[in-house]
Amino acid sequence: MRKSTIWTIAVVMGLSFLGLLYLQLSYIEDMAKMKKEQFDESVNRALYQASRNLELNETLRYLEKDVNETERRAFKQDSVAIDGLDGTIKQSHQFAVAADDGTVYSSFQLKTFEIKPASVPKAMILRKDKNSLAEASKTMQEIVRNRYVYQKALLDEVVYSILYTANEKPLKERVNFKMLDLDIREALINNGIDIPYHLTVSTSDGREVYRCPDYTDEGNEYSYTQPLFRNDPSSKRGVVKIHFPEMSKYIFSGVRFMIPSIVFTVVLIITFIFTIVVIFRQKRYSEMKNDFVNNMTHELKTPIASISLAAQMLNDDSVTKNEHMMKHLGGVIGDESKRLRFLVEKVLQMSMFDKKDAVFKKKELDLNELLENIANSFTLRVEHTGGKIMMDIGAVDSAIFVDEVHFSNMIHNLMDNAVKYRNPDKPLELMLKTWNDDKRLYFSIQDNGMGIKKENLKKIFEKFYRVHTGNKHDVKGFGLGLAYVKKVVDLHQGEIKAESELGKGTKFTISLPVLTED
C-alpha cells in the first residue's frame, strides 16, 4: 500500500475519532449545564417555599394571639321575655367585641321563639313549628353574616398588628432558625435535592445573625440567597443564604454514565494511533529489507563474478598459465571467497541475535592489548589509503570480561566503517583512546571522515538502516554493522554513544563495567 493512501486513511479515521470524542464531550457539557440549571431552579424554589412558610407561620402566630386576646375581650348578653297574651317565650343572645377604649366594632344578635305546647292544639303547634324553622333559618343567615363581619374585624386588627408591630422586632426574635432549617431541608427533598448544605441568615445590611453549627466555606462560590419578609421595609428584611459543598458531585452524578463511552473512545484513539505507528514502522522495515536484499544481491554478485571469471580463465586452454598467473588467480579466488564468507557471517550473526541463540564464551581480556592488536592488523589497510592510526592508552584498570570473537568483530566493524566512510579529500586519521573512572572503563574510536547529519545520527544503530548518500554507490553494505555493534555492547552491559559532525568526522564512545576481583 502506498504511503499516501495510508496517510489518507489515517487522517480520515483520526478526524472521525476526534469528531466523535468532541460530540461526546459537548453532550456531557450540555447535560451538566442542564443539570446545573435544574439544580438552581429547584434550590430557588425550595428557598422561596421556606421563606413563604416563615411568613405564614408568623402570620398564624399573630392571628392566634390576637384572636385569643379578642375573645377574652368579647362579652355575651342573654335576655328572656314572656308575652302574657299568648304565652310566647322570647329568648335572645347578643355577642359584642369592644376595643380597649370601649368602642364596639362588631356585634350580632340571635333570636329564637317558642310557643307553649300546652295552650296550643297539636295542629297549630305543627303549623307554628314550621314558621319557627323558617325563622330559625333566617336567624342563622344573619348569624353567618355577623360572624363574617366579626372575623373580618379580627383579621383587620391582625394585619394592622403585623404591618406596624411585627417588623419592629429584631430578626433573631422573628425567625425560628431551626424551623427555617427544617423547612429548607424538607423543601429541597421535595424538589429532588438531598445533599448536605450550609446555612446562614443575615440582615439586609450584611450582619450575620445565624450560622449552622457545621458551617464551612467549601463550595461557597456557588451560593443561593432568598430575602425574608420581602414585604417589610428594606431595612427590616432578612436574607437567607445556603451553599452546597458537594454540588459538583451532584452535577457530575448526572453525567457519570457517559464516562465509559469517553474511556472507550480514548482507548480506540490510542489503539488507532498505535496501529498507524506499527503500520508505518512495518512499512519502513519492509523498505529497509528490500534495500537489504538489493544490496546483498549486489554485494554477492561482485565476488561471485570474480570467482567465476577466475575459474573460466583456469579452464580456458588459450590462456597461458604460468606460475605468476596461477598464483594471481588463486589469490583472487581466495580473497573473494573470504569476502563472501564475511558477508554471509555478518547476516548469520544478526539472525542469530534475533533468535536469541547467541552463546557468549566470555573470558578475561585486557582492553588496551586487544585494541593494539586490532590496530596493528588495520595499519596496512589504513596506510594504503594514505592515513594513519594513533593510540592514546590511558586506562589503568583495563581488564574486561567479554566474548573475544564478538567483541573483536564489534571493534573491527567500527574501524572498517571509519575506512569505508573516509573523506577522499584528506588522509584518514584514526584515533583509538582508552580511559577509566571509578566505575566504568571507556574506549573511543574517532575518525576525520565524512561525518553524519544530526537527523540521521539517532537512527544509525537500527537494523538495515543506511545513511542516504544520494546517487553515490561507492560504499557497499547491508546496514547491519552498527546494529551488530549495538547488540554486542548491550549484551556486555555496556553503553555506546555516537557523536558526529558532517564533513568533520565521527566519534564512537563505548563504556563497559570495570572488572572487579569478585
Protein backbone atom coordinates (compact mmCIF):
# COMPACT_ATOMS: atom_id res chain seq x y z
CA MET A 1 0.00 0.00 0.00
CA ARG A 2 1.29 3.43 -0.89
CA LYS A 3 2.25 5.79 1.89
CA SER A 4 -0.15 8.48 0.66
CA THR A 5 -3.06 6.01 0.88
CA ILE A 6 -2.11 5.09 4.44
CA TRP A 7 -1.90 8.77 5.39
CA THR A 8 -5.32 9.46 3.83
CA ILE A 9 -6.95 6.61 5.75
CA ALA A 10 -5.18 7.65 8.96
CA VAL A 11 -6.32 11.28 8.63
CA VAL A 12 -9.94 10.34 7.86
CA MET A 13 -10.18 7.86 10.74
CA GLY A 14 -8.35 10.21 13.08
CA LEU A 15 -10.73 13.09 12.31
CA SER A 16 -13.70 10.74 12.74
CA PHE A 17 -12.49 9.63 16.18
CA LEU A 18 -11.79 13.21 17.22
CA GLY A 19 -15.22 14.30 15.97
CA LEU A 20 -16.87 11.50 17.95
CA LEU A 21 -14.93 12.47 21.06
CA TYR A 22 -15.87 16.14 20.58
CA LEU A 23 -19.57 15.27 20.24
CA GLN A 24 -19.46 13.18 23.42
CA LEU A 25 -17.72 15.92 25.36
CA SER A 26 -20.19 18.51 24.04
CA TYR A 27 -23.10 16.28 25.05
CA ILE A 28 -21.66 15.88 28.54
CA GLU A 29 -21.16 19.64 28.81
CA ASP A 30 -24.76 20.31 27.74
CA MET A 31 -26.09 17.73 30.18
CA ALA A 32 -24.04 19.20 33.03
CA LYS A 33 -25.30 22.70 32.15
CA MET A 34 -28.90 21.47 32.07
CA LYS A 35 -28.43 19.66 35.38
CA LYS A 36 -27.00 22.87 36.89
CA GLU A 37 -29.95 24.93 35.64
CA GLN A 38 -32.41 22.39 37.09
CA PHE A 39 -30.47 22.43 40.35
CA ASP A 40 -30.57 26.25 40.51
CA GLU A 41 -34.29 26.33 39.80
CA SER A 42 -35.04 23.65 42.41
CA VAL A 43 -32.95 25.40 45.09
CA ASN A 44 -34.53 28.80 44.42
CA ARG A 45 -38.00 27.24 44.51
CA ALA A 46 -37.21 25.50 47.80
CA LEU A 47 -35.87 28.72 49.33
CA TYR A 48 -38.97 30.61 48.20
CA GLN A 49 -41.21 27.97 49.76
CA ALA A 50 -39.29 28.09 53.03
CA SER A 51 -39.43 31.89 53.07
CA ARG A 52 -43.15 31.80 52.36
CA ASN A 53 -43.71 29.29 55.15
CA LEU A 54 -41.79 31.56 57.52
CA GLU A 55 -44.10 34.47 56.74
CA LEU A 56 -47.21 32.29 57.01
CA ASN A 57 -46.09 30.93 60.35
CA GLU A 58 -45.53 34.43 61.67
CA THR A 59 -48.98 35.48 60.45
CA LEU A 60 -50.51 32.41 62.08
CA ARG A 61 -48.84 33.19 65.41
CA TYR A 62 -50.12 36.75 65.41
CA LEU A 63 -53.56 35.60 64.32
CA GLU A 64 -53.81 33.08 67.15
CA LYS A 65 -52.53 35.63 69.63
CA ASP A 66 -54.94 38.34 68.55
CA VAL A 67 -57.92 36.00 68.34
CA ASN A 68 -57.29 34.78 71.84
CA GLU A 69 -56.99 38.32 73.16
CA THR A 70 -60.09 39.42 71.28
CA GLU A 71 -62.15 36.52 72.54
CA ARG A 72 -61.12 37.40 76.05
CA ARG A 73 -62.41 40.94 75.47
CA ALA A 74 -65.71 39.74 73.92
CA PHE A 75 -68.88 39.73 76.06
CA LYS A 76 -72.25 37.98 75.76
CA GLN A 77 -75.69 39.19 76.96
CA ASP A 78 -78.75 36.90 77.24
CA SER A 79 -82.37 38.08 77.66
CA VAL A 80 -85.68 36.20 78.08
CA ALA A 81 -89.19 37.74 77.70
CA ILE A 82 -92.69 36.15 78.11
CA ASP A 83 -95.67 37.52 76.27
CA GLY A 84 -98.65 37.47 78.69
CA LEU A 85 -101.27 37.38 75.97
CA ASP A 86 -100.40 34.17 74.15
CA GLY A 87 -97.75 32.75 76.46
CA THR A 88 -94.94 33.02 73.82
CA ILE A 89 -91.45 32.84 75.24
CA LYS A 90 -88.96 35.19 73.58
CA GLN A 91 -85.24 34.43 74.20
CA SER A 92 -82.29 36.39 72.68
CA HIS A 93 -78.43 36.09 72.75
CA GLN A 94 -76.29 39.13 71.90
CA PHE A 95 -72.50 39.00 71.26
CA ALA A 96 -70.19 42.02 71.02
CA VAL A 97 -66.46 42.81 70.74
CA ALA A 98 -65.19 46.05 72.15
CA ALA A 99 -61.83 47.79 71.94
CA ASP A 100 -59.86 48.95 74.95
CA ASP A 101 -61.47 52.38 74.72
CA GLY A 102 -64.98 50.87 74.86
CA THR A 103 -65.78 51.21 71.15
CA VAL A 104 -67.93 48.30 69.92
CA TYR A 105 -66.73 47.31 66.44
CA SER A 106 -68.61 44.01 65.98
CA SER A 107 -71.96 42.72 67.38
CA PHE A 108 -74.74 40.40 66.39
CA GLN A 109 -77.95 39.04 67.99
CA LEU A 110 -79.57 35.64 67.82
CA LYS A 111 -83.38 35.39 68.46
CA THR A 112 -85.46 32.24 68.91
CA PHE A 113 -89.14 31.81 69.53
CA GLU A 114 -91.02 29.07 71.31
CA ILE A 115 -94.72 28.51 71.89
CA LYS A 116 -96.16 26.80 74.95
CA PRO A 117 -97.30 23.37 73.75
CA ALA A 118 -99.99 23.03 76.47
CA SER A 119 -102.03 26.04 75.32
CA VAL A 120 -101.96 25.38 71.56
CA PRO A 121 -103.61 22.48 69.66
CA LYS A 122 -101.33 19.95 68.04
CA ALA A 123 -102.26 21.06 64.53
CA MET A 124 -101.40 24.65 65.41
CA ILE A 125 -98.18 23.54 67.05
CA LEU A 126 -97.13 21.83 63.84
CA ARG A 127 -98.03 24.92 61.78
CA LYS A 128 -96.23 27.22 64.16
CA ASP A 129 -93.20 24.87 64.31
CA LYS A 130 -92.85 25.26 60.56
CA ASN A 131 -92.84 29.02 60.96
CA SER A 132 -90.27 28.62 63.71
CA LEU A 133 -87.97 26.67 61.36
CA ALA A 134 -88.17 29.36 58.72
CA GLU A 135 -87.48 31.99 61.32
CA ALA A 136 -84.53 29.97 62.63
CA SER A 137 -83.10 29.69 59.08
CA LYS A 138 -83.25 33.44 58.65
CA THR A 139 -81.66 33.86 62.03
CA MET A 140 -78.75 31.54 61.10
CA GLN A 141 -78.12 33.50 57.92
CA GLU A 142 -77.93 36.63 59.96
CA ILE A 143 -75.53 34.89 62.36
CA VAL A 144 -73.22 33.93 59.49
CA ARG A 145 -73.25 37.50 58.16
CA ASN A 146 -72.50 38.91 61.55
CA ARG A 147 -69.82 36.27 62.16
CA TYR A 148 -68.14 37.26 58.88
CA VAL A 149 -68.08 40.87 59.99
CA TYR A 150 -66.64 39.75 63.31
CA GLN A 151 -63.86 37.64 61.72
CA LYS A 152 -63.04 40.39 59.24
CA ALA A 153 -62.61 42.79 62.09
CA LEU A 154 -60.26 40.34 63.77
CA LEU A 155 -58.22 39.91 60.59
CA ASP A 156 -58.03 43.65 60.05
CA GLU A 157 -56.62 44.04 63.52
CA VAL A 158 -54.09 41.21 62.94
CA VAL A 159 -52.91 42.69 59.65
CA TYR A 160 -52.57 46.07 61.28
CA SER A 161 -50.55 44.50 64.10
CA ILE A 162 -48.25 42.61 61.72
CA LEU A 163 -47.62 45.62 59.49
CA TYR A 164 -46.88 48.09 62.28
CA THR A 165 -45.71 45.89 65.12
CA ALA A 166 -44.04 42.69 63.88
CA ASN A 167 -41.26 44.30 61.82
CA GLU A 168 -40.21 46.33 64.84
CA LYS A 169 -38.78 43.17 66.41
CA PRO A 170 -35.18 42.07 65.78
CA LEU A 171 -34.63 39.36 63.15
CA LYS A 172 -33.50 36.91 65.85
CA GLU A 173 -36.90 37.09 67.53
CA ARG A 174 -38.91 36.87 64.34
CA VAL A 175 -37.14 33.82 62.84
CA ASN A 176 -37.05 30.34 64.35
CA PHE A 177 -33.78 29.26 62.76
CA LYS A 178 -34.23 25.54 63.46
CA MET A 179 -37.68 25.60 61.91
CA LEU A 180 -36.30 27.54 58.94
CA ASP A 181 -33.56 24.92 58.52
CA LEU A 182 -36.14 22.11 58.66
CA ASP A 183 -38.39 23.90 56.16
CA ILE A 184 -35.48 24.38 53.74
CA ARG A 185 -34.39 20.75 54.06
CA GLU A 186 -37.95 19.49 53.51
CA ALA A 187 -38.46 21.79 50.54
CA LEU A 188 -35.15 20.67 48.98
CA ILE A 189 -36.07 17.00 49.38
CA ASN A 190 -39.49 17.66 47.84
CA ASN A 191 -37.66 19.22 44.87
CA GLY A 192 -35.40 16.19 44.47
CA ILE A 193 -32.23 17.52 46.20
CA ASP A 194 -30.93 15.51 49.13
CA ILE A 195 -27.33 16.61 49.66
CA PRO A 196 -25.68 18.48 52.56
CA TYR A 197 -25.83 22.27 52.63
CA HIS A 198 -24.66 25.09 54.90
CA LEU A 199 -26.98 27.87 56.04
CA THR A 200 -26.54 31.46 57.18
CA VAL A 201 -29.09 34.19 57.96
CA SER A 202 -28.11 37.85 57.87
CA THR A 203 -29.73 41.26 57.93
CA SER A 204 -30.22 43.35 54.81
CA ASP A 205 -27.03 45.32 55.59
CA GLY A 206 -24.94 42.11 55.75
CA ARG A 207 -24.73 41.49 59.50
CA GLU A 208 -24.80 37.74 60.11
CA VAL A 209 -27.29 36.70 62.82
CA TYR A 210 -27.17 32.91 62.41
CA ARG A 211 -24.79 30.25 61.06
CA CYS A 212 -25.42 26.49 61.07
CA PRO A 213 -23.21 24.52 63.50
CA ASP A 214 -21.29 22.54 60.83
CA TYR A 215 -20.70 25.55 58.55
CA THR A 216 -17.65 25.51 56.21
CA ASP A 217 -16.65 27.73 53.28
CA GLU A 218 -16.21 24.76 50.95
CA GLY A 219 -18.32 25.31 47.82
CA ASN A 220 -19.14 28.88 48.86
CA GLU A 221 -18.55 30.10 45.31
CA TYR A 222 -21.89 28.50 44.36
CA SER A 223 -24.32 30.11 46.84
CA TYR A 224 -28.05 30.88 46.72
CA THR A 225 -29.86 33.69 48.55
CA GLN A 226 -33.50 34.46 49.29
CA PRO A 227 -34.97 37.56 51.04
CA LEU A 228 -37.06 37.04 54.17
CA PHE A 229 -40.16 39.18 54.83
CA ARG A 230 -39.94 40.77 51.40
CA ASN A 231 -43.00 42.98 52.04
CA ASP A 232 -41.34 44.66 55.02
CA PRO A 233 -39.30 47.85 54.68
CA SER A 234 -35.92 47.13 53.10
CA SER A 235 -34.07 47.91 56.31
CA LYS A 236 -36.11 45.33 58.22
CA ARG A 237 -35.73 42.43 55.77
CA GLY A 238 -33.52 39.42 56.29
CA VAL A 239 -31.52 37.28 53.86
CA VAL A 240 -31.06 33.51 53.99
CA LYS A 241 -28.03 32.15 52.16
CA ILE A 242 -27.13 28.48 51.51
CA HIS A 243 -24.36 26.72 49.60
CA PHE A 244 -23.63 23.08 48.78
CA PRO A 245 -20.12 21.65 49.33
CA GLU A 246 -20.98 18.56 47.23
CA MET A 247 -22.82 20.32 44.42
CA SER A 248 -20.15 19.39 41.84
CA LYS A 249 -20.51 15.72 42.74
CA TYR A 250 -24.27 16.03 42.43
CA ILE A 251 -23.99 17.61 38.98
CA PHE A 252 -21.34 15.09 37.95
CA SER A 253 -23.51 12.15 39.04
CA GLY A 254 -25.99 13.05 36.31
CA VAL A 255 -23.40 12.57 33.54
CA ARG A 256 -21.38 9.76 35.11
CA PHE A 257 -22.91 7.16 32.80
CA MET A 258 -21.14 8.83 29.84
CA ILE A 259 -17.65 8.25 31.26
CA PRO A 260 -17.31 4.65 29.96
CA SER A 261 -18.06 5.81 26.41
CA ILE A 262 -15.38 8.52 26.72
CA VAL A 263 -12.89 5.95 28.05
CA PHE A 264 -13.68 3.50 25.24
CA THR A 265 -13.32 6.26 22.65
CA VAL A 266 -9.93 7.31 24.07
CA VAL A 267 -8.82 3.65 24.08
CA LEU A 268 -9.88 3.36 20.44
CA ILE A 269 -7.95 6.53 19.55
CA ILE A 270 -4.81 5.26 21.32
CA THR A 271 -5.17 1.86 19.65
CA PHE A 272 -5.66 3.53 16.29
CA ILE A 273 -2.57 5.70 16.74
CA PHE A 274 -0.55 2.66 17.84
CA THR A 275 -1.79 0.74 14.79
CA ILE A 276 -0.81 3.55 12.42
CA VAL A 277 2.64 3.77 14.04
CA VAL A 278 3.10 0.00 13.68
CA ILE A 279 1.97 0.15 10.04
CA PHE A 280 4.49 2.87 9.20
CA ARG A 281 7.20 1.07 11.15
CA GLN A 282 6.50 -2.18 9.34
CA LYS A 283 6.45 -0.34 6.04
CA ARG A 284 9.81 1.21 6.85
CA TYR A 285 11.19 -2.19 7.85
CA SER A 286 9.85 -3.61 4.61
CA GLU A 287 11.58 -0.89 2.62
CA MET A 288 14.79 -1.44 4.58
CA LYS A 289 14.63 -5.19 3.97
CA ASN A 290 14.08 -4.56 0.28
CA ASP A 291 17.15 -2.33 0.28
CA PHE A 292 19.00 -5.03 2.18
CA VAL A 293 18.07 -7.67 -0.40
CA ASN A 294 19.13 -5.36 -3.22
CA ASN A 295 22.42 -4.52 -1.51
CA MET A 296 23.10 -8.15 -0.64
CA THR A 297 22.42 -9.20 -4.24
CA HIS A 298 24.80 -6.53 -5.49
CA GLU A 299 27.44 -7.39 -2.86
CA LEU A 300 27.29 -11.10 -3.64
CA LYS A 301 27.41 -10.54 -7.40
CA THR A 302 30.87 -8.99 -7.32
CA PRO A 303 32.77 -11.82 -5.59
CA ILE A 304 30.78 -14.46 -7.46
CA ALA A 305 31.61 -12.80 -10.78
CA SER A 306 35.30 -12.58 -9.82
CA ILE A 307 35.42 -16.25 -8.80
CA SER A 308 33.53 -17.26 -11.95
CA LEU A 309 35.92 -15.27 -14.15
CA ALA A 310 38.98 -16.80 -12.46
CA ALA A 311 37.51 -20.29 -12.89
CA GLN A 312 36.87 -19.63 -16.59
CA MET A 313 40.45 -18.48 -17.06
CA LEU A 314 41.69 -21.63 -15.37
CA ASN A 315 39.60 -23.76 -17.70
CA ASP A 316 40.49 -21.75 -20.81
CA ASP A 317 43.29 -23.54 -22.66
CA SER A 318 44.01 -20.49 -24.78
CA VAL A 319 45.23 -18.55 -21.75
CA THR A 320 48.89 -19.02 -20.94
CA LYS A 321 49.12 -20.40 -17.43
CA ASN A 322 52.46 -19.62 -15.87
CA GLU A 323 53.29 -19.67 -12.18
CA HIS A 324 52.58 -15.97 -11.72
CA MET A 325 49.17 -16.23 -13.44
CA MET A 326 48.17 -19.27 -11.37
CA LYS A 327 49.20 -17.51 -8.16
CA HIS A 328 47.22 -14.42 -9.12
CA LEU A 329 44.07 -16.39 -9.99
CA GLY A 330 44.40 -18.41 -6.78
CA GLY A 331 44.69 -15.19 -4.77
CA VAL A 332 41.63 -13.72 -6.44
CA ILE A 333 39.58 -16.84 -5.71
CA GLY A 334 40.81 -16.90 -2.08
CA ASP A 335 40.16 -13.22 -1.46
CA GLU A 336 36.68 -13.27 -2.98
CA SER A 337 35.84 -16.44 -1.07
CA LYS A 338 36.81 -14.71 2.19
CA ARG A 339 34.69 -11.75 1.20
CA LEU A 340 31.71 -14.00 0.58
CA ARG A 341 32.24 -15.76 3.89
CA PHE A 342 32.45 -12.41 5.71
CA LEU A 343 29.19 -11.19 4.17
CA VAL A 344 27.39 -14.42 4.99
CA GLU A 345 28.73 -14.45 8.56
CA LYS A 346 27.54 -10.89 9.13
CA VAL A 347 24.00 -11.83 8.10
CA LEU A 348 24.11 -15.01 10.19
CA GLN A 349 25.33 -13.10 13.23
CA MET A 350 22.35 -10.74 13.20
CA SER A 351 19.97 -13.63 12.53
CA MET A 352 21.45 -15.47 15.50
CA PHE A 353 20.96 -12.43 17.76
CA ASP A 354 17.33 -12.00 16.60
CA LYS A 355 16.58 -15.62 17.53
CA LYS A 356 18.41 -15.16 20.85
CA ASP A 357 20.55 -18.20 20.06
CA ALA A 358 23.83 -16.40 20.65
CA VAL A 359 26.03 -18.06 23.26
CA PHE A 360 28.86 -15.96 24.64
CA LYS A 361 32.08 -17.57 25.72
CA LYS A 362 33.36 -14.84 27.96
CA LYS A 363 36.83 -14.63 29.33
CA GLU A 364 39.06 -12.05 30.87
CA LEU A 365 40.93 -9.82 28.40
CA ASP A 366 42.98 -6.67 28.50
CA LEU A 367 41.28 -3.90 26.53
CA ASN A 368 44.49 -1.98 25.87
CA GLU A 369 46.18 -5.08 24.46
CA LEU A 370 43.13 -6.04 22.39
CA LEU A 371 42.94 -2.60 20.78
CA GLU A 372 46.66 -2.60 19.99
CA ASN A 373 46.40 -5.98 18.24
CA ILE A 374 43.41 -4.91 16.15
CA ALA A 375 45.09 -1.59 15.31
CA ASN A 376 48.19 -3.45 14.07
CA SER A 377 46.04 -5.62 11.80
CA PHE A 378 44.42 -2.48 10.35
CA THR A 379 47.64 -0.50 9.95
CA LEU A 380 48.39 -1.68 6.40
CA ARG A 381 44.83 -1.07 5.23
CA VAL A 382 44.79 2.45 6.68
CA GLU A 383 48.25 3.33 5.43
CA HIS A 384 47.23 2.04 1.98
CA THR A 385 44.72 4.92 1.87
CA GLY A 386 47.40 7.39 2.94
CA GLY A 387 46.18 7.61 6.53
CA LYS A 388 47.49 6.60 9.95
CA ILE A 389 46.31 5.14 13.26
CA MET A 390 47.08 6.90 16.54
CA MET A 391 46.79 5.38 20.03
CA ASP A 392 46.17 7.06 23.40
CA ILE A 393 46.21 4.29 26.01
CA GLY A 394 45.24 5.95 29.28
CA ALA A 395 43.20 3.26 31.04
CA VAL A 396 44.86 1.89 34.18
CA ASP A 397 42.29 -0.80 35.06
CA SER A 398 41.79 -2.20 31.56
CA ALA A 399 40.60 -5.73 32.39
CA ILE A 400 37.30 -6.73 30.73
CA PHE A 401 35.21 -9.91 30.77
CA VAL A 402 33.90 -10.38 27.22
CA ASP A 403 33.44 -12.83 24.36
CA GLU A 404 36.65 -12.39 22.37
CA VAL A 405 35.22 -13.22 18.95
CA HIS A 406 32.13 -10.98 19.08
CA PHE A 407 33.89 -8.16 20.89
CA SER A 408 36.75 -8.18 18.37
CA ASN A 409 34.23 -8.23 15.48
CA MET A 410 32.50 -5.25 17.04
CA ILE A 411 35.73 -3.21 17.09
CA HIS A 412 36.57 -4.39 13.55
CA ASN A 413 33.17 -3.12 12.32
CA LEU A 414 33.75 0.34 13.82
CA MET A 415 37.21 0.63 12.31
CA ASP A 416 36.00 -0.78 8.98
CA ASN A 417 33.31 1.93 8.85
CA ALA A 418 35.99 4.57 9.51
CA VAL A 419 37.91 3.31 6.48
CA LYS A 420 34.85 2.95 4.22
CA TYR A 421 33.41 6.36 5.06
CA ARG A 422 36.69 8.31 4.95
CA ASN A 423 36.87 11.72 3.35
CA PRO A 424 38.51 11.25 -0.06
CA ASP A 425 39.90 14.79 0.02
CA LYS A 426 42.21 14.25 3.02
CA PRO A 427 44.22 11.42 4.60
CA LEU A 428 42.37 9.28 7.17
CA GLU A 429 43.32 9.88 10.80
CA LEU A 430 42.03 7.19 13.17
CA MET A 431 42.37 7.78 16.94
CA LEU A 432 41.96 4.94 19.48
CA LYS A 433 41.74 6.04 23.09
CA THR A 434 41.13 4.31 26.44
CA TRP A 435 40.49 5.73 29.92
CA ASN A 436 38.52 4.83 33.02
CA ASP A 437 36.95 6.20 36.20
CA ASP A 438 35.91 4.55 39.45
CA LYS A 439 33.00 2.62 37.97
CA ARG A 440 33.41 2.36 34.18
CA LEU A 441 36.04 1.60 31.56
CA TYR A 442 35.88 3.67 28.37
CA PHE A 443 37.35 3.49 24.89
CA SER A 444 36.65 5.57 21.80
CA ILE A 445 37.27 5.31 18.07
CA GLN A 446 37.41 8.67 16.32
CA ASP A 447 37.96 9.48 12.64
CA ASN A 448 38.09 12.56 10.43
CA GLY A 449 35.79 11.12 7.76
CA MET A 450 32.63 12.34 6.08
CA GLY A 451 30.56 12.55 9.27
CA ILE A 452 26.84 12.05 9.74
CA LYS A 453 23.96 14.52 9.79
CA LYS A 454 22.24 15.08 13.15
CA GLU A 455 18.86 13.84 11.89
CA ASN A 456 20.49 10.56 10.81
CA LEU A 457 22.66 10.10 13.88
CA LYS A 458 19.88 8.70 16.10
CA LYS A 459 18.96 6.03 13.51
CA ILE A 460 22.37 4.59 12.70
CA PHE A 461 22.03 1.71 15.19
CA GLU A 462 18.78 0.47 13.62
CA LYS A 463 18.95 -2.74 11.65
CA PHE A 464 19.09 -2.33 7.84
CA TYR A 465 19.40 1.45 8.17
CA ARG A 466 21.93 3.12 5.91
CA VAL A 467 22.63 6.84 5.65
CA HIS A 468 21.45 8.13 2.27
CA THR A 469 24.31 9.32 0.04
CA GLY A 470 22.27 10.48 -2.93
CA ASN A 471 23.25 8.81 -6.19
CA LYS A 472 26.64 7.66 -4.88
CA HIS A 473 27.04 3.91 -4.52
CA ASP A 474 30.75 3.73 -3.82
CA VAL A 475 30.22 2.34 -0.27
CA LYS A 476 28.56 -1.08 -0.13
CA GLY A 477 26.89 -2.73 2.84
CA PHE A 478 23.75 -4.20 4.34
CA GLY A 479 23.06 -1.72 7.14
CA LEU A 480 23.83 -4.41 9.73
CA GLY A 481 27.28 -3.39 11.00
CA LEU A 482 26.29 -0.78 13.60
CA ALA A 483 23.19 -2.75 14.60
CA TYR A 484 25.52 -5.65 15.36
CA VAL A 485 27.84 -3.32 17.31
CA LYS A 486 24.94 -2.02 19.42
CA LYS A 487 23.73 -5.54 20.12
CA VAL A 488 27.16 -6.76 21.26
CA VAL A 489 27.67 -3.72 23.52
CA ASP A 490 24.22 -4.18 25.10
CA LEU A 491 24.81 -7.88 25.76
CA HIS A 492 28.03 -6.97 27.59
CA GLN A 493 26.12 -4.49 29.85
CA GLY A 494 27.85 -1.61 28.10
CA GLU A 495 26.75 1.68 26.56
CA ILE A 496 27.62 3.22 23.21
CA LYS A 497 27.33 6.84 22.18
CA ALA A 498 27.88 8.38 18.75
CA GLU A 499 28.99 11.97 18.11
CA SER A 500 29.39 13.33 14.61
CA GLU A 501 29.55 16.49 12.56
CA LEU A 502 29.05 16.45 8.84
CA GLY A 503 32.33 16.92 7.00
CA LYS A 504 34.46 16.71 10.18
CA GLY A 505 34.26 13.11 11.32
CA THR A 506 32.61 10.73 13.77
CA LYS A 507 33.41 9.52 17.26
CA PHE A 508 32.08 6.36 18.92
CA THR A 509 32.47 6.11 22.70
CA ILE A 510 31.85 2.79 24.48
CA SER A 511 31.74 2.27 28.25
CA LEU A 512 31.98 -1.08 30.00
CA PRO A 513 31.73 -2.18 33.64
CA VAL A 514 35.09 -2.33 35.43
CA LEU A 515 36.09 -5.93 36.15
CA THR A 516 36.45 -6.30 39.92
CA GLU A 517 38.17 -9.01 41.91
CA ASP A 518 34.89 -10.68 42.95
